[in-house]
Amino acid sequence: MSLVSTGHIAKGAIISAAGDSVWATSTDLQIKPEEMKAIAAIVNGDAAAKDKAFADGLFVGGERYVMARAEERSIYARSKRDGVAIAKTKQAIVIGLHGEAQVAGNASSTVESLADYLISQSY
């Protein structure tokens, strides 16, 4: 997956904007259906889903992340020295997880850049 090949992302996935299917994923990342639905709800503007994630954490691949920011199309969350950056396009949601070896800002830029590219390709 191109996200991981940048060196800024440890694991990544692309799911549908509805949160009902996985389009691509790193072999070592299993995103559960309820995790995809929660992520999709947040980036699609569901205030209750966003509040719940801020209160209880955001789960990705079975790991709990503390929400740092949730913006119009993006989510940023941390778990100790690891983190996740998420960005929505018209049809997809790009998810990038970074470990302590990667810089959070670079990981976020990588996810946002792929999302921008997908938007430019009408996805």
PDB file of N, CA and C in Angstrom:
ATOM      1  N   MET A   1       0.849  -1.177   0.000  1.00  0.00           N
ATOM      2  CA  MET A   1       0.000   0.000   0.000  1.00  0.00           C
ATOM      3  C   MET A   1       0.891   1.236   0.000  1.00  0.00           C
ATOM      4  N   SER A   2       0.559   2.223  -0.769  1.00  0.00           N
ATOM      5  CA  SER A   2       1.426   3.397  -0.948  1.00  0.00           C
ATOM      6  C   SER A   2       1.629   4.197   0.336  1.00  0.00           C
ATOM      7  N   LEU A   3       0.680   4.169   1.241  1.00  0.00           N
ATOM      8  CA  LEU A   3       0.841   4.883   2.520  1.00  0.00           C
ATOM      9  C   LEU A   3       2.075   4.386   3.269  1.00  0.00           C
ATOM     10  N   VAL A   4       2.206   3.077   3.376  1.00  0.00           N
ATOM     11  CA  VAL A   4       3.284   2.471   4.144  1.00  0.00           C
ATOM     12  C   VAL A   4       4.633   2.671   3.459  1.00  0.00           C
ATOM     13  N   SER A   5       4.642   2.642   2.132  1.00  0.00           N
ATOM     14  CA  SER A   5       5.909   2.773   1.400  1.00  0.00           C
ATOM     15  C   SER A   5       6.572   4.134   1.600  1.00  0.00           C
ATOM     16  N   THR A   6       5.833   5.125   2.092  1.00  0.00           N
ATOM     17  CA  THR A   6       6.410   6.449   2.354  1.00  0.00           C
ATOM     18  C   THR A   6       7.372   6.418   3.538  1.00  0.00           C
ATOM     19  N   GLY A   7       7.215   5.416   4.428  1.00  0.00           N
ATOM     20  CA  GLY A   7       8.017   5.362   5.640  1.00  0.00           C
ATOM     21  C   GLY A   7       7.423   6.168   6.788  1.00  0.00           C
ATOM     22  N   HIS A   8       6.370   6.938   6.506  1.00  0.00           N
ATOM     23  CA  HIS A   8       5.733   7.772   7.537  1.00  0.00           C
ATOM     24  C   HIS A   8       4.566   7.064   8.214  1.00  0.00           C
ATOM     25  N   ILE A   9       4.128   5.939   7.646  1.00  0.00           N
ATOM     26  CA  ILE A   9       2.969   5.199   8.136  1.00  0.00           C
ATOM     27  C   ILE A   9       3.398   3.756   8.412  1.00  0.00           C
ATOM     28  N   ALA A  10       3.027   3.225   9.586  1.00  0.00           N
ATOM     29  CA  ALA A  10       3.359   1.838   9.924  1.00  0.00           C
ATOM     30  C   ALA A  10       2.356   0.863   9.310  1.00  0.00           C
ATOM     31  N   LYS A  11       1.065   1.219   9.373  1.00  0.00           N
ATOM     32  CA  LYS A  11      -0.014   0.398   8.820  1.00  0.00           C
ATOM     33  C   LYS A  11      -1.069   1.343   8.278  1.00  0.00           C
ATOM     34  N   GLY A  12      -1.784   0.897   7.267  1.00  0.00           N
ATOM     35  CA  GLY A  12      -2.809   1.760   6.717  1.00  0.00           C
ATOM     36  C   GLY A  12      -3.966   1.000   6.127  1.00  0.00           C
ATOM     37  N   ALA A  13      -5.041   1.744   5.860  1.00  0.00           N
ATOM     38  CA  ALA A  13      -6.225   1.163   5.237  1.00  0.00           C
ATOM     39  C   ALA A  13      -6.987   2.256   4.503  1.00  0.00           C
ATOM     40  N   ILE A  14      -7.757   1.809   3.534  1.00  0.00           N
ATOM     41  CA  ILE A  14      -8.729   2.681   2.875  1.00  0.00           C
ATOM     42  C   ILE A  14     -10.055   1.948   2.966  1.00  0.00           C
ATOM     43  N   ILE A  15     -11.057   2.632   3.541  1.00  0.00           N
ATOM     44  CA  ILE A  15     -12.390   2.052   3.676  1.00  0.00           C
ATOM     45  C   ILE A  15     -13.385   2.947   2.940  1.00  0.00           C
ATOM     46  N   SER A  16     -14.586   2.430   2.728  1.00  0.00           N
ATOM     47  CA  SER A  16     -15.625   3.229   2.073  1.00  0.00           C
ATOM     48  C   SER A  16     -16.058   4.370   3.000  1.00  0.00           C
ATOM     49  N   ALA A  17     -16.522   5.459   2.411  1.00  0.00           N
ATOM     50  CA  ALA A  17     -16.974   6.611   3.200  1.00  0.00           C
ATOM     51  C   ALA A  17     -18.168   6.248   4.077  1.00  0.00           C
ATOM     52  N   ALA A  18     -18.912   5.221   3.698  1.00  0.00           N
ATOM     53  CA  ALA A  18     -20.051   4.766   4.501  1.00  0.00           C
ATOM     54  C   ALA A  18     -19.600   3.896   5.670  1.00  0.00           C
ATOM     55  N   GLY A  19     -18.328   3.467   5.640  1.00  0.00           N
ATOM     56  CA  GLY A  19     -17.811   2.634   6.714  1.00  0.00           C
ATOM     57  C   GLY A  19     -18.306   1.208   6.670  1.00  0.00           C
ATOM     58  N   ASP A  20     -18.696   0.756   5.467  1.00  0.00           N
ATOM     59  CA  ASP A  20     -19.254  -0.593   5.370  1.00  0.00           C
ATOM     60  C   ASP A  20     -18.388  -1.588   4.601  1.00  0.00           C
ATOM     61  N   SER A  21     -17.224  -1.139   4.102  1.00  0.00           N
ATOM     62  CA  SER A  21     -16.344  -2.086   3.410  1.00  0.00           C
ATOM     63  C   SER A  21     -14.903  -1.583   3.423  1.00  0.00           C
ATOM     64  N   VAL A  22     -13.982  -2.547   3.376  1.00  0.00           N
ATOM     65  CA  VAL A  22     -12.556  -2.249   3.322  1.00  0.00           C
ATOM     66  C   VAL A  22     -12.129  -2.305   1.856  1.00  0.00           C
ATOM     67  N   TRP A  23     -11.501  -1.241   1.363  1.00  0.00           N
ATOM     68  CA  TRP A  23     -11.027  -1.213  -0.029  1.00  0.00           C
ATOM     69  C   TRP A  23      -9.590  -1.713  -0.126  1.00  0.00           C
ATOM     70  N   ALA A  24      -8.781  -1.396   0.872  1.00  0.00           N
ATOM     71  CA  ALA A  24      -7.377  -1.830   0.894  1.00  0.00           C
ATOM     72  C   ALA A  24      -6.901  -1.764   2.331  1.00  0.00           C
ATOM     73  N   THR A  25      -5.972  -2.654   2.689  1.00  0.00           N
ATOM     74  CA  THR A  25      -5.453  -2.629   4.053  1.00  0.00           C
ATOM     75  C   THR A  25      -4.089  -3.296   4.116  1.00  0.00           C
ATOM     76  N   SER A  26      -3.287  -2.879   5.064  1.00  0.00           N
ATOM     77  CA  SER A  26      -2.036  -3.573   5.360  1.00  0.00           C
ATOM     78  C   SER A  26      -2.401  -4.964   5.877  1.00  0.00           C
ATOM     79  N   THR A  27      -1.569  -5.933   5.582  1.00  0.00           N
ATOM     80  CA  THR A  27      -1.879  -7.310   5.995  1.00  0.00           C
ATOM     81  C   THR A  27      -2.004  -7.460   7.507  1.00  0.00           C
ATOM     82  N   ASP A  28      -1.304  -6.624   8.272  1.00  0.00           N
ATOM     83  CA  ASP A  28      -1.328  -6.740   9.734  1.00  0.00           C
ATOM     84  C   ASP A  28      -2.318  -5.789  10.407  1.00  0.00           C
ATOM     85  N   LEU A  29      -3.281  -5.277   9.653  1.00  0.00           N
ATOM     86  CA  LEU A  29      -4.283  -4.372  10.216  1.00  0.00           C
ATOM     87  C   LEU A  29      -5.680  -4.927   9.936  1.00  0.00           C
ATOM     88  N   GLN A  30      -6.384  -5.258  10.993  1.00  0.00           N
ATOM     89  CA  GLN A  30      -7.760  -5.755  10.887  1.00  0.00           C
ATOM     90  C   GLN A  30      -8.682  -4.730  11.528  1.00  0.00           C
ATOM     91  N   ILE A  31      -9.434  -4.003  10.719  1.00  0.00           N
ATOM     92  CA  ILE A  31     -10.371  -3.008  11.248  1.00  0.00           C
ATOM     93  C   ILE A  31     -11.746  -3.659  11.354  1.00  0.00           C
ATOM     94  N   LYS A  32     -12.308  -3.614  12.551  1.00  0.00           N
ATOM     95  CA  LYS A  32     -13.595  -4.260  12.822  1.00  0.00           C
ATOM     96  C   LYS A  32     -14.732  -3.426  12.224  1.00  0.00           C
ATOM     97  N   PRO A  33     -15.842  -4.083  11.867  1.00  0.00           N
ATOM     98  CA  PRO A  33     -16.993  -3.358  11.302  1.00  0.00           C
ATOM     99  C   PRO A  33     -17.478  -2.208  12.190  1.00  0.00           C
ATOM    100  N   GLU A  34     -17.516  -2.423  13.514  1.00  0.00           N
ATOM    101  CA  GLU A  34     -17.993  -1.352  14.410  1.00  0.00           C
ATOM    102  C   GLU A  34     -16.997  -0.192  14.466  1.00  0.00           C
ATOM    103  N   GLU A  35     -15.703  -0.480  14.275  1.00  0.00           N
ATOM    104  CA  GLU A  35     -14.696   0.590  14.225  1.00  0.00           C
ATOM    105  C   GLU A  35     -14.881   1.423  12.957  1.00  0.00           C
ATOM    106  N   MET A  36     -15.119   0.743  11.833  1.00  0.00           N
ATOM    107  CA  MET A  36     -15.336   1.460  10.567  1.00  0.00           C
ATOM    108  C   MET A  36     -16.577   2.339  10.652  1.00  0.00           C
ATOM    109  N   LYS A  37     -17.658   1.817  11.242  1.00  0.00           N
ATOM    110  CA  LYS A  37     -18.905   2.594  11.370  1.00  0.00           C
ATOM    111  C   LYS A  37     -18.684   3.831  12.232  1.00  0.00           C
ATOM    112  N   ALA A  38     -17.943   3.686  13.338  1.00  0.00           N
ATOM    113  CA  ALA A  38     -17.688   4.828  14.228  1.00  0.00           C
ATOM    114  C   ALA A  38     -16.849   5.887  13.521  1.00  0.00           C
ATOM    115  N   ILE A  39     -15.803   5.464  12.810  1.00  0.00           N
ATOM    116  CA  ILE A  39     -14.951   6.411  12.074  1.00  0.00           C
ATOM    117  C   ILE A  39     -15.773   7.139  11.019  1.00  0.00           C
ATOM    118  N   ALA A  40     -16.562   6.386  10.258  1.00  0.00           N
ATOM    119  CA  ALA A  40     -17.391   6.991   9.210  1.00  0.00           C
ATOM    120  C   ALA A  40     -18.382   7.986   9.806  1.00  0.00           C
ATOM    121  N   ALA A  41     -18.989   7.635  10.923  1.00  0.00           N
ATOM    122  CA  ALA A  41     -19.963   8.535  11.553  1.00  0.00           C
ATOM    123  C   ALA A  41     -19.303   9.857  11.932  1.00  0.00           C
ATOM    124  N   ILE A  42     -18.098   9.790  12.493  1.00  0.00           N
ATOM    125  CA  ILE A  42     -17.404  11.013  12.926  1.00  0.00           C
ATOM    126  C   ILE A  42     -17.077  11.900  11.725  1.00  0.00           C
ATOM    127  N   VAL A  43     -16.449  11.343  10.688  1.00  0.00           N
ATOM    128  CA  VAL A  43     -16.054  12.186   9.547  1.00  0.00           C
ATOM    129  C   VAL A  43     -17.248  12.591   8.685  1.00  0.00           C
ATOM    130  N   ASN A  44     -18.386  11.952   8.897  1.00  0.00           N
ATOM    131  CA  ASN A  44     -19.595  12.355   8.182  1.00  0.00           C
ATOM    132  C   ASN A  44     -20.455  13.311   9.005  1.00  0.00           C
ATOM    133  N   GLY A  45     -19.903  13.822  10.126  1.00  0.00           N
ATOM    134  CA  GLY A  45     -20.549  14.900  10.867  1.00  0.00           C
ATOM    135  C   GLY A  45     -21.482  14.500  11.990  1.00  0.00           C
ATOM    136  N   ASP A  46     -21.441  13.253  12.444  1.00  0.00           N
ATOM    137  CA  ASP A  46     -22.308  12.806  13.545  1.00  0.00           C
ATOM    138  C   ASP A  46     -21.715  13.297  14.868  1.00  0.00           C
ATOM    139  N   ALA A  47     -22.336  14.327  15.447  1.00  0.00           N
ATOM    140  CA  ALA A  47     -21.816  14.946  16.676  1.00  0.00           C
ATOM    141  C   ALA A  47     -21.806  13.962  17.842  1.00  0.00           C
ATOM    142  N   ALA A  48     -22.825  13.106  17.944  1.00  0.00           N
ATOM    143  CA  ALA A  48     -22.893  12.142  19.046  1.00  0.00           C
ATOM    144  C   ALA A  48     -21.741  11.132  18.939  1.00  0.00           C
ATOM    145  N   ALA A  49     -21.438  10.698  17.720  1.00  0.00           N
ATOM    146  CA  ALA A  49     -20.326   9.750  17.518  1.00  0.00           C
ATOM    147  C   ALA A  49     -19.000  10.405  17.882  1.00  0.00           C
ATOM    148  N   LYS A  50     -18.849  11.675  17.524  1.00  0.00           N
ATOM    149  CA  LYS A  50     -17.625  12.412  17.862  1.00  0.00           C
ATOM    150  C   LYS A  50     -17.494  12.561  19.376  1.00  0.00           C
ATOM    151  N   ASP A  51     -18.569  12.943  20.046  1.00  0.00           N
ATOM    152  CA  ASP A  51     -18.561  13.095  21.510  1.00  0.00           C
ATOM    153  C   ASP A  51     -18.220  11.768  22.187  1.00  0.00           C
ATOM    154  N   LYS A  52     -18.789  10.664  21.694  1.00  0.00           N
ATOM    155  CA  LYS A  52     -18.526   9.341  22.259  1.00  0.00           C
ATOM    156  C   LYS A  52     -17.047   8.982  22.110  1.00  0.00           C
ATOM    157  N   ALA A  53     -16.463   9.272  20.945  1.00  0.00           N
ATOM    158  CA  ALA A  53     -15.045   8.970  20.719  1.00  0.00           C
ATOM    159  C   ALA A  53     -14.156   9.834  21.616  1.00  0.00           C
ATOM    160  N   PHE A  54     -14.521  11.098  21.821  1.00  0.00           N
ATOM    161  CA  PHE A  54     -13.747  11.942  22.733  1.00  0.00           C
ATOM    162  C   PHE A  54     -13.843  11.414  24.164  1.00  0.00           C
ATOM    163  N   ALA A  55     -14.994  10.882  24.541  1.00  0.00           N
ATOM    164  CA  ALA A  55     -15.188  10.381  25.905  1.00  0.00           C
ATOM    165  C   ALA A  55     -14.578   8.993  26.115  1.00  0.00           C
ATOM    166  N   ASP A  56     -14.792   8.092  25.163  1.00  0.00           N
ATOM    167  CA  ASP A  56     -14.428   6.682  25.344  1.00  0.00           C
ATOM    168  C   ASP A  56     -13.191   6.243  24.565  1.00  0.00           C
ATOM    169  N   GLY A  57     -12.754   7.069  23.629  1.00  0.00           N
ATOM    170  CA  GLY A  57     -11.631   6.705  22.780  1.00  0.00           C
ATOM    171  C   GLY A  57     -12.092   6.258  21.405  1.00  0.00           C
ATOM    172  N   LEU A  58     -11.166   6.291  20.469  1.00  0.00           N
ATOM    173  CA  LEU A  58     -11.406   5.843  19.099  1.00  0.00           C
ATOM    174  C   LEU A  58     -10.677   4.515  18.937  1.00  0.00           C
ATOM    175  N   PHE A  59     -11.371   3.498  18.476  1.00  0.00           N
ATOM    176  CA  PHE A  59     -10.763   2.177  18.322  1.00  0.00           C
ATOM    177  C   PHE A  59     -10.460   1.900  16.856  1.00  0.00           C
ATOM    178  N   VAL A  60      -9.214   1.511  16.602  1.00  0.00           N
ATOM    179  CA  VAL A  60      -8.766   1.162  15.254  1.00  0.00           C
ATOM    180  C   VAL A  60      -7.913  -0.095  15.375  1.00  0.00           C
ATOM    181  N   GLY A  61      -8.313  -1.154  14.704  1.00  0.00           N
ATOM    182  CA  GLY A  61      -7.568  -2.404  14.776  1.00  0.00           C
ATOM    183  C   GLY A  61      -7.513  -2.987  16.172  1.00  0.00           C
ATOM    184  N   GLY A  62      -8.559  -2.733  16.957  1.00  0.00           N
ATOM    185  CA  GLY A  62      -8.619  -3.256  18.315  1.00  0.00           C
ATOM    186  C   GLY A  62      -7.863  -2.436  19.346  1.00  0.00           C
ATOM    187  N   GLU A  63      -7.153  -1.401  18.902  1.00  0.00           N
ATOM    188  CA  GLU A  63      -6.397  -0.531  19.813  1.00  0.00           C
ATOM    189  C   GLU A  63      -7.205   0.723  20.131  1.00  0.00           C
ATOM    190  N   ARG A  64      -7.107   1.177  21.385  1.00  0.00           N
ATOM    191  CA  ARG A  64      -7.803   2.400  21.801  1.00  0.00           C
ATOM    192  C   ARG A  64      -6.872   3.594  21.639  1.00  0.00           C
ATOM    193  N   TYR A  65      -7.377   4.623  20.980  1.00  0.00           N
ATOM    194  CA  TYR A  65      -6.644   5.876  20.788  1.00  0.00           C
ATOM    195  C   TYR A  65      -7.427   7.008  21.446  1.00  0.00           C
ATOM    196  N   VAL A  66      -6.719   7.942  22.040  1.00  0.00           N
ATOM    197  CA  VAL A  66      -7.328   9.124  22.643  1.00  0.00           C
ATOM    198  C   VAL A  66      -7.461  10.180  21.545  1.00  0.00           C
ATOM    199  N   MET A  67      -8.666  10.665  21.370  1.00  0.00           N
ATOM    200  CA  MET A  67      -8.913  11.669  20.331  1.00  0.00           C
ATOM    201  C   MET A  67      -8.166  12.959  20.663  1.00  0.00           C
ATOM    202  N   ALA A  68      -7.419  13.460  19.705  1.00  0.00           N
ATOM    203  CA  ALA A  68      -6.734  14.740  19.860  1.00  0.00           C
ATOM    204  C   ALA A  68      -7.534  15.835  19.155  1.00  0.00           C
ATOM    205  N   ARG A  69      -7.949  15.532  17.909  1.00  0.00           N
ATOM    206  CA  ARG A  69      -8.733  16.506  17.125  1.00  0.00           C
ATOM    207  C   ARG A  69      -9.659  15.743  16.195  1.00  0.00           C
ATOM    208  N   ALA A  70     -10.810  16.324  15.948  1.00  0.00           N
ATOM    209  CA  ALA A  70     -11.730  15.823  14.929  1.00  0.00           C
ATOM    210  C   ALA A  70     -12.230  17.047  14.179  1.00  0.00           C
ATOM    211  N   GLU A  71     -11.813  17.143  12.928  1.00  0.00           N
ATOM    212  CA  GLU A  71     -12.173  18.298  12.102  1.00  0.00           C
ATOM    213  C   GLU A  71     -13.200  17.863  11.062  1.00  0.00           C
ATOM    214  N   GLU A  72     -13.503  18.744  10.133  1.00  0.00           N
ATOM    215  CA  GLU A  72     -14.553  18.470   9.147  1.00  0.00           C
ATOM    216  C   GLU A  72     -14.324  17.168   8.390  1.00  0.00           C
ATOM    217  N   ARG A  73     -13.095  16.917   7.951  1.00  0.00           N
ATOM    218  CA  ARG A  73     -12.842  15.681   7.191  1.00  0.00           C
ATOM    219  C   ARG A  73     -11.761  14.814   7.820  1.00  0.00           C
ATOM    220  N   SER A  74     -11.206  15.223   8.949  1.00  0.00           N
ATOM    221  CA  SER A  74     -10.045  14.532   9.504  1.00  0.00           C
ATOM    222  C   SER A  74     -10.185  14.229  10.996  1.00  0.00           C
ATOM    223  N   ILE A  75      -9.508  13.143  11.405  1.00  0.00           N
ATOM    224  CA  ILE A  75      -9.435  12.758  12.812  1.00  0.00           C
ATOM    225  C   ILE A  75      -7.968  12.492  13.139  1.00  0.00           C
ATOM    226  N   TYR A  76      -7.539  12.943  14.304  1.00  0.00           N
ATOM    227  CA  TYR A  76      -6.184  12.662  14.789  1.00  0.00           C
ATOM    228  C   TYR A  76      -6.318  12.138  16.217  1.00  0.00           C
ATOM    229  N   ALA A  77      -5.642  11.018  16.495  1.00  0.00           N
ATOM    230  CA  ALA A  77      -5.738  10.418  17.823  1.00  0.00           C
ATOM    231  C   ALA A  77      -4.401   9.775  18.184  1.00  0.00           C
ATOM    232  N   ARG A  78      -4.174   9.597  19.502  1.00  0.00           N
ATOM    233  CA  ARG A  78      -2.897   9.071  19.992  1.00  0.00           C
ATOM    234  C   ARG A  78      -3.116   7.921  20.970  1.00  0.00           C
ATOM    235  N   SER A  79      -2.122   7.054  21.034  1.00  0.00           N
ATOM    236  CA  SER A  79      -2.075   5.996  22.039  1.00  0.00           C
ATOM    237  C   SER A  79      -0.618   5.876  22.458  1.00  0.00           C
ATOM    238  N   LYS A  80      -0.290   6.414  23.618  1.00  0.00           N
ATOM    239  CA  LYS A  80       1.093   6.509  24.084  1.00  0.00           C
ATOM    240  C   LYS A  80       1.920   7.224  23.019  1.00  0.00           C
ATOM    241  N   ARG A  81       2.878   6.521  22.389  1.00  0.00           N
ATOM    242  CA  ARG A  81       3.728   7.176  21.384  1.00  0.00           C
ATOM    243  C   ARG A  81       3.289   6.845  19.960  1.00  0.00           C
ATOM    244  N   ASP A  82       2.190   6.106  19.830  1.00  0.00           N
ATOM    245  CA  ASP A  82       1.640   5.766  18.516  1.00  0.00           C
ATOM    246  C   ASP A  82       0.480   6.708  18.216  1.00  0.00           C
ATOM    247  N   GLY A  83       0.067   6.725  16.967  1.00  0.00           N
ATOM    248  CA  GLY A  83      -1.055   7.585  16.618  1.00  0.00           C
ATOM    249  C   GLY A  83      -1.745   7.122  15.356  1.00  0.00           C
ATOM    250  N   VAL A  84      -2.857   7.782  15.070  1.00  0.00           N
ATOM    251  CA  VAL A  84      -3.621   7.494  13.863  1.00  0.00           C
ATOM    252  C   VAL A  84      -4.075   8.814  13.260  1.00  0.00           C
ATOM    253  N   ALA A  85      -3.981   8.888  11.934  1.00  0.00           N
ATOM    254  CA  ALA A  85      -4.487  10.038  11.178  1.00  0.00           C
ATOM    255  C   ALA A  85      -5.503   9.489  10.185  1.00  0.00           C
ATOM    256  N   ILE A  86      -6.634  10.160  10.090  1.00  0.00           N
ATOM    257  CA  ILE A  86      -7.735   9.703   9.242  1.00  0.00           C
ATOM    258  C   ILE A  86      -8.233  10.894   8.436  1.00  0.00           C
ATOM    259  N   ALA A  87      -8.477  10.680   7.136  1.00  0.00           N
ATOM    260  CA  ALA A  87      -9.004  11.753   6.288  1.00  0.00           C
ATOM    261  C   ALA A  87     -10.055  11.174   5.343  1.00  0.00           C
ATOM    262  N   LYS A  88     -11.147  11.905   5.162  1.00  0.00           N
ATOM    263  CA  LYS A  88     -12.261  11.468   4.320  1.00  0.00           C
ATOM    264  C   LYS A  88     -12.210  12.156   2.957  1.00  0.00           C
ATOM    265  N   THR A  89     -12.544  11.389   1.931  1.00  0.00           N
ATOM    266  CA  THR A  89     -12.749  11.934   0.593  1.00  0.00           C
ATOM    267  C   THR A  89     -14.244  11.781   0.288  1.00  0.00           C
ATOM    268  N   LYS A  90     -14.646  12.009  -0.963  1.00  0.00           N
ATOM    269  CA  LYS A  90     -16.060  11.843  -1.306  1.00  0.00           C
ATOM    270  C   LYS A  90     -16.525  10.414  -1.077  1.00  0.00           C
ATOM    271  N   GLN A  91     -15.703   9.444  -1.486  1.00  0.00           N
ATOM    272  CA  GLN A  91     -16.126   8.045  -1.457  1.00  0.00           C
ATOM    273  C   GLN A  91     -15.332   7.163  -0.490  1.00  0.00           C
ATOM    274  N   ALA A  92     -14.247   7.674   0.054  1.00  0.00           N
ATOM    275  CA  ALA A  92     -13.348   6.830   0.845  1.00  0.00           C
ATOM    276  C   ALA A  92     -12.910   7.516   2.136  1.00  0.00           C
ATOM    277  N   ILE A  93     -12.367   6.690   3.034  1.00  0.00           N
ATOM    278  CA  ILE A  93     -11.732   7.182   4.253  1.00  0.00           C
ATOM    279  C   ILE A  93     -10.347   6.545   4.305  1.00  0.00           C
ATOM    280  N   VAL A  94      -9.313   7.400   4.382  1.00  0.00           N
ATOM    281  CA  VAL A  94      -7.925   6.950   4.439  1.00  0.00           C
ATOM    282  C   VAL A  94      -7.505   6.915   5.906  1.00  0.00           C
ATOM    283  N   ILE A  95      -6.944   5.782   6.331  1.00  0.00           N
ATOM    284  CA  ILE A  95      -6.530   5.594   7.721  1.00  0.00           C
ATOM    285  C   ILE A  95      -5.046   5.256   7.735  1.00  0.00           C
ATOM    286  N   GLY A  96      -4.257   6.018   8.484  1.00  0.00           N
ATOM    287  CA  GLY A  96      -2.834   5.743   8.609  1.00  0.00           C
ATOM    288  C   GLY A  96      -2.423   5.698  10.068  1.00  0.00           C
ATOM    289  N   LEU A  97      -1.816   4.587  10.468  1.00  0.00           N
ATOM    290  CA  LEU A  97      -1.320   4.446  11.832  1.00  0.00           C
ATOM    291  C   LEU A  97       0.187   4.620  11.821  1.00  0.00           C
ATOM    292  N   HIS A  98       0.693   5.375  12.796  1.00  0.00           N
ATOM    293  CA  HIS A  98       2.142   5.550  12.884  1.00  0.00           C
ATOM    294  C   HIS A  98       2.625   5.098  14.253  1.00  0.00           C
ATOM    295  N   GLY A  99       3.829   4.552  14.264  1.00  0.00           N
ATOM    296  CA  GLY A  99       4.445   4.118  15.504  1.00  0.00           C
ATOM    297  C   GLY A  99       5.341   5.201  16.048  1.00  0.00           C
ATOM    298  N   GLU A 100       6.045   4.886  17.142  1.00  0.00           N
ATOM    299  CA  GLU A 100       6.913   5.896  17.749  1.00  0.00           C
ATOM    300  C   GLU A 100       8.095   6.241  16.853  1.00  0.00           C
ATOM    301  N   ALA A 101       8.424   5.376  15.885  1.00  0.00           N
ATOM    302  CA  ALA A 101       9.540   5.642  14.972  1.00  0.00           C
ATOM    303  C   ALA A 101       9.174   6.693  13.926  1.00  0.00           C
ATOM    304  N   GLN A 102       7.881   6.942  13.741  1.00  0.00           N
ATOM    305  CA  GLN A 102       7.442   7.919  12.746  1.00  0.00           C
ATOM    306  C   GLN A 102       7.019   9.226  13.418  1.00  0.00           C
ATOM    307  N   VAL A 103       7.130  10.304  12.681  1.00  0.00           N
ATOM    308  CA  VAL A 103       6.741  11.638  13.169  1.00  0.00           C
ATOM    309  C   VAL A 103       5.256  11.855  12.867  1.00  0.00           C
ATOM    310  N   ALA A 104       4.495  12.225  13.890  1.00  0.00           N
ATOM    311  CA  ALA A 104       3.047  12.388  13.745  1.00  0.00           C
ATOM    312  C   ALA A 104       2.686  13.363  12.619  1.00  0.00           C
ATOM    313  N   GLY A 105       3.380  14.476  12.534  1.00  0.00           N
ATOM    314  CA  GLY A 105       3.084  15.463  11.496  1.00  0.00           C
ATOM    315  C   GLY A 105       3.300  14.922  10.097  1.00  0.00           C
ATOM    316  N   ASN A 106       4.358  14.122   9.921  1.00  0.00           N
ATOM    317  CA  ASN A 106       4.610  13.515   8.616  1.00  0.00           C
ATOM    318  C   ASN A 106       3.533  12.487   8.282  1.00  0.00           C
ATOM    319  N   ALA A 107       3.112  11.726   9.283  1.00  0.00           N
ATOM    320  CA  ALA A 107       2.050  10.738   9.073  1.00  0.00           C
ATOM    321  C   ALA A 107       0.757  11.438   8.661  1.00  0.00           C
ATOM    322  N   SER A 108       0.413  12.512   9.352  1.00  0.00           N
ATOM    323  CA  SER A 108      -0.798  13.264   9.033  1.00  0.00           C
ATOM    324  C   SER A 108      -0.736  13.834   7.620  1.00  0.00           C
ATOM    325  N   SER A 109       0.405  14.406   7.259  1.00  0.00           N
ATOM    326  CA  SER A 109       0.580  14.967   5.911  1.00  0.00           C
ATOM    327  C   SER A 109       0.439  13.891   4.843  1.00  0.00           C
ATOM    328  N   THR A 110       0.974  12.703   5.108  1.00  0.00           N
ATOM    329  CA  THR A 110       0.902  11.604   4.157  1.00  0.00           C
ATOM    330  C   THR A 110      -0.550  11.182   3.933  1.00  0.00           C
ATOM    331  N   VAL A 111      -1.308  11.046   5.012  1.00  0.00           N
ATOM    332  CA  VAL A 111      -2.724  10.660   4.912  1.00  0.00           C
ATOM    333  C   VAL A 111      -3.514  11.747   4.188  1.00  0.00           C
ATOM    334  N   GLU A 112      -3.309  13.004   4.573  1.00  0.00           N
ATOM    335  CA  GLU A 112      -4.031  14.116   3.937  1.00  0.00           C
ATOM    336  C   GLU A 112      -3.683  14.217   2.447  1.00  0.00           C
ATOM    337  N   SER A 113      -2.417  13.992   2.099  1.00  0.00           N
ATOM    338  CA  SER A 113      -1.998  14.062   0.691  1.00  0.00           C
ATOM    339  C   SER A 113      -2.664  12.971  -0.137  1.00  0.00           C
ATOM    340  N   LEU A 114      -2.748  11.751   0.400  1.00  0.00           N
ATOM    341  CA  LEU A 114      -3.420  10.679  -0.335  1.00  0.00           C
ATOM    342  C   LEU A 114      -4.900  10.999  -0.482  1.00  0.00           C
ATOM    343  N   ALA A 115      -5.517  11.539   0.567  1.00  0.00           N
ATOM    344  CA  ALA A 115      -6.928  11.933   0.480  1.00  0.00           C
ATOM    345  C   ALA A 115      -7.122  13.004  -0.590  1.00  0.00           C
ATOM    346  N   ASP A 116      -6.236  13.997  -0.618  1.00  0.00           N
ATOM    347  CA  ASP A 116      -6.324  15.048  -1.645  1.00  0.00           C
ATOM    348  C   ASP A 116      -6.192  14.460  -3.046  1.00  0.00           C
ATOM    349  N   TYR A 117      -5.265  13.500  -3.205  1.00  0.00           N
ATOM    350  CA  TYR A 117      -5.085  12.858  -4.504  1.00  0.00           C
ATOM    351  C   TYR A 117      -6.366  12.105  -4.904  1.00  0.00           C
ATOM    352  N   LEU A 118      -6.942  11.347  -3.973  1.00  0.00           N
ATOM    353  CA  LEU A 118      -8.165  10.614  -4.284  1.00  0.00           C
ATOM    354  C   LEU A 118      -9.299  11.559  -4.657  1.00  0.00           C
ATOM    355  N   ILE A 119      -9.391  12.700  -3.960  1.00  0.00           N
ATOM    356  CA  ILE A 119     -10.417  13.703  -4.302  1.00  0.00           C
ATOM    357  C   ILE A 119     -10.176  14.208  -5.723  1.00  0.00           C
ATOM    358  N   SER A 120      -8.919  14.447  -6.071  1.00  0.00           N
ATOM    359  CA  SER A 120      -8.616  14.940  -7.422  1.00  0.00           C
ATOM    360  C   SER A 120      -8.960  13.908  -8.506  1.00  0.00           C
ATOM    361  N   GLN A 121      -9.027  12.635  -8.114  1.00  0.00           N
ATOM    362  CA  GLN A 121      -9.389  11.552  -9.034  1.00  0.00           C
ATOM    363  C   GLN A 121     -10.870  11.188  -8.930  1.00  0.00           C
ATOM    364  N   SER A 122     -11.649  12.072  -8.319  1.00  0.00           N
ATOM    365  CA  SER A 122     -13.117  11.914  -8.150  1.00  0.00           C
ATOM    366  C   SER A 122     -13.509  10.789  -7.196  1.00  0.00           C
ATOM    367  N   TYR A 123     -12.610  10.447  -6.286  1.00  0.00           N
ATOM    368  CA  TYR A 123     -12.950   9.499  -5.230  1.00  0.00           C
ATOM    369  C   TYR A 123     -13.158  10.244  -3.934  1.00  0.00           C
TER     370      TYR A 123
END
